[in-house]
C-alpha atoms as a PDB file:
ATOM      1  CA  UNK A   1    -147.319 114.316 110.489  1.00  0.00           C
ATOM      2  CA  UNK A   2    -150.384 113.481 108.394  1.00  0.00           C
ATOM      3  CA  UNK A   3    -153.534 112.251 110.123  1.00  0.00           C
ATOM      4  CA  UNK A   4    -154.000 109.804 107.257  1.00  0.00           C
ATOM      5  CA  UNK A   5    -151.347 107.072 107.201  1.00  0.00           C
ATOM      6  CA  UNK A   6    -149.013 106.972 104.215  1.00  0.00           C
ATOM      7  CA  UNK A   7    -149.273 103.316 103.206  1.00  0.00           C
ATOM      8  CA  UNK A   8    -147.538 101.488 100.348  1.00  0.00           C
ATOM      9  CA  UNK A   9    -149.302  99.964  97.380  1.00  0.00           C
ATOM     10  CA  UNK A  10    -151.469  97.008  98.441  1.00  0.00           C
ATOM     11  CA  UNK A  11    -151.620  94.308  99.469  1.00  0.00           C
ATOM     12  CA  UNK A  12    -151.079  94.911 103.164  1.00  0.00           C
ATOM     13  CA  UNK A  13    -153.096  94.336 106.335  1.00  0.00           C
ATOM     14  CA  UNK A  14    -155.218  96.554 108.558  1.00  0.00           C
ATOM     15  CA  UNK A  15    -155.850  95.849 112.232  1.00  0.00           C
ATOM     16  CA  UNK A  16    -159.009  97.690 113.264  1.00  0.00           C
ATOM     17  CA  UNK A  17    -159.447  98.126 117.015  1.00  0.00           C
ATOM     18  CA  UNK A  18    -162.782  99.590 118.156  1.00  0.00           C
ATOM     19  CA  UNK A  19    -163.402 100.304 121.840  1.00  0.00           C
ATOM     20  CA  UNK A  20    -165.675 101.867 124.422  1.00  0.00           C
ATOM     21  CA  UNK A  21    -163.911 103.087 127.553  1.00  0.00           C
ATOM     22  CA  UNK A  22    -164.998 102.776 131.159  1.00  0.00           C
ATOM     23  CA  UNK A  23    -165.079 105.784 133.492  1.00  0.00           C
ATOM     24  CA  UNK A  24    -161.759 104.734 135.106  1.00  0.00           C
ATOM     25  CA  UNK A  25    -159.079 105.759 132.595  1.00  0.00           C
ATOM     26  CA  UNK A  26    -156.181 106.414 134.972  1.00  0.00           C
ATOM     27  CA  UNK A  27    -152.971 105.728 133.059  1.00  0.00           C
ATOM     28  CA  UNK A  28    -154.792 105.269 129.741  1.00  0.00           C
ATOM     29  CA  UNK A  29    -153.401 108.295 127.865  1.00  0.00           C
ATOM     30  CA  UNK A  30    -149.811 107.541 128.896  1.00  0.00           C
ATOM     31  CA  UNK A  31    -150.144 103.888 127.893  1.00  0.00           C
ATOM     32  CA  UNK A  32    -151.858 104.715 124.583  1.00  0.00           C
ATOM     33  CA  UNK A  33    -149.053 107.141 123.692  1.00  0.00           C
ATOM     34  CA  UNK A  34    -146.452 104.513 124.566  1.00  0.00           C
ATOM     35  CA  UNK A  35    -148.217 101.884 122.443  1.00  0.00           C
ATOM     36  CA  UNK A  36    -148.203 104.261 119.451  1.00  0.00           C
ATOM     37  CA  UNK A  37    -144.471 104.854 119.983  1.00  0.00           C
ATOM     38  CA  UNK A  38    -143.749 101.157 120.428  1.00  0.00           C
ATOM     39  CA  UNK A  39    -145.819 100.093 117.395  1.00  0.00           C
ATOM     40  CA  UNK A  40    -143.802 102.366 115.108  1.00  0.00           C
ATOM     41  CA  UNK A  41    -140.655 100.468 116.143  1.00  0.00           C
ATOM     42  CA  UNK A  42    -142.060  97.056 115.176  1.00  0.00           C
ATOM     43  CA  UNK A  43    -140.969  95.224 112.010  1.00  0.00           C
ATOM     44  CA  UNK A  44    -143.701  95.382 109.376  1.00  0.00           C
ATOM     45  CA  UNK A  45    -145.462  98.436 110.819  1.00  0.00           C
ATOM     46  CA  UNK A  46    -146.688 100.731 108.035  1.00  0.00           C
ATOM     47  CA  UNK A  47    -148.753 103.404 109.787  1.00  0.00           C
ATOM     48  CA  UNK A  48    -151.679 104.181 112.062  1.00  0.00           C
ATOM     49  CA  UNK A  49    -154.832 106.278 112.189  1.00  0.00           C
ATOM     50  CA  UNK A  50    -156.800 106.845 115.393  1.00  0.00           C
ATOM     51  CA  UNK A  51    -159.859 108.745 116.552  1.00  0.00           C
ATOM     52  CA  UNK A  52    -161.659 108.854 119.865  1.00  0.00           C
ATOM     53  CA  UNK A  53    -165.010 110.289 120.789  1.00  0.00           C
ATOM     54  CA  UNK A  54    -167.404 108.018 122.634  1.00  0.00           C
ATOM     55  CA  UNK A  55    -166.246 105.234 120.351  1.00  0.00           C
ATOM     56  CA  UNK A  56    -162.514 104.892 119.776  1.00  0.00           C
ATOM     57  CA  UNK A  57    -161.187 103.445 116.539  1.00  0.00           C
ATOM     58  CA  UNK A  58    -157.524 102.745 115.846  1.00  0.00           C
ATOM     59  CA  UNK A  59    -156.471 101.298 112.509  1.00  0.00           C
ATOM     60  CA  UNK A  60    -152.888 100.118 112.256  1.00  0.00           C
ATOM     61  CA  UNK A  61    -151.380  98.959 108.985  1.00  0.00           C
ATOM     62  CA  UNK A  62    -148.946  96.065 108.647  1.00  0.00           C
ATOM     63  CA  UNK A  63    -146.978  94.464 105.850  1.00  0.00           C
ATOM     64  CA  UNK A  64    -147.920  90.875 106.729  1.00  0.00           C
ATOM     65  CA  UNK A  65    -149.722  88.636 109.212  1.00  0.00           C
ATOM     66  CA  UNK A  66    -146.478  87.568 110.918  1.00  0.00           C
ATOM     67  CA  UNK A  67    -145.762  91.198 111.859  1.00  0.00           C
ATOM     68  CA  UNK A  68    -149.251  91.469 113.378  1.00  0.00           C
ATOM     69  CA  UNK A  69    -148.689  88.282 115.393  1.00  0.00           C
ATOM     70  CA  UNK A  70    -145.352  89.596 116.671  1.00  0.00           C
ATOM     71  CA  UNK A  71    -146.955  92.903 117.700  1.00  0.00           C
ATOM     72  CA  UNK A  72    -149.757  91.084 119.529  1.00  0.00           C
ATOM     73  CA  UNK A  73    -147.134  89.005 121.363  1.00  0.00           C
ATOM     74  CA  UNK A  74    -144.920  91.975 122.347  1.00  0.00           C
ATOM     75  CA  UNK A  75    -144.536  91.850 126.153  1.00  0.00           C
ATOM     76  CA  UNK A  76    -145.227  95.535 126.774  1.00  0.00           C
ATOM     77  CA  UNK A  77    -148.197  95.443 124.397  1.00  0.00           C
ATOM     78  CA  UNK A  78    -149.541  92.338 126.193  1.00  0.00           C
ATOM     79  CA  UNK A  79    -149.521  94.251 129.497  1.00  0.00           C
ATOM     80  CA  UNK A  80    -151.412  97.148 127.895  1.00  0.00           C
ATOM     81  CA  UNK A  81    -153.935  94.719 126.396  1.00  0.00           C
ATOM     82  CA  UNK A  82    -154.522  93.199 129.826  1.00  0.00           C
ATOM     83  CA  UNK A  83    -155.049  96.634 131.391  1.00  0.00           C
ATOM     84  CA  UNK A  84    -157.553  97.393 128.652  1.00  0.00           C
ATOM     85  CA  UNK A  85    -159.492  94.195 129.288  1.00  0.00           C
ATOM     86  CA  UNK A  86    -159.365  94.527 133.092  1.00  0.00           C
ATOM     87  CA  UNK A  87    -159.771  98.273 133.579  1.00  0.00           C
ATOM     88  CA  UNK A  88    -160.185 100.639 130.633  1.00  0.00           C
ATOM     89  CA  UNK A  89    -162.643  99.077 128.186  1.00  0.00           C
ATOM     90  CA  UNK A  90    -166.279  98.178 128.716  1.00  0.00           C
ATOM     91  CA  UNK A  91    -166.324  96.719 125.219  1.00  0.00           C
ATOM     92  CA  UNK A  92    -163.832  96.226 122.379  1.00  0.00           C
ATOM     93  CA  UNK A  93    -163.423  94.396 119.099  1.00  0.00           C
ATOM     94  CA  UNK A  94    -160.356  93.681 116.969  1.00  0.00           C
ATOM     95  CA  UNK A  95    -160.660  92.936 113.267  1.00  0.00           C
ATOM     96  CA  UNK A  96    -157.873  92.032 110.838  1.00  0.00           C
ATOM     97  CA  UNK A  97    -158.418  92.697 107.151  1.00  0.00           C
ATOM     98  CA  UNK A  98    -156.405  92.342 103.964  1.00  0.00           C
ATOM     99  CA  UNK A  99    -156.273  95.618 102.059  1.00  0.00           C
ATOM    100  CA  UNK A 100    -156.462  94.797  98.365  1.00  0.00           C
ATOM    101  CA  UNK A 101    -157.024  98.314  96.995  1.00  0.00           C
ATOM    102  CA  UNK A 102    -156.623 101.855  98.217  1.00  0.00           C
ATOM    103  CA  UNK A 103    -156.966 105.225  96.571  1.00  0.00           C
ATOM    104  CA  UNK A 104    -157.337 108.816  97.635  1.00  0.00           C
ATOM    105  CA  UNK A 105    -156.229 112.372  97.318  1.00  0.00           C
END
């Protein structure tokens, strides 16, 4: 599996999730792995890239805004979001962007 997502020709959307974790991360790794697995099963999901040092950044790619809304509303994902807000993250930010061009090697 490539670390760089294989995305189709634009346009498509990117959801950029940046976070700082708290010291209490019990259950975090298991939940993060499950969210990656679950996201790949969602209609409109195109790929994901994630890194974590002090700052974590996850960029997921989606075919359209409706797919993003459905992912945000997924019951299991909602529970994980709540755990993040209540327990795991001291700070986070979600940004949604339209990808109009991409290129690379």
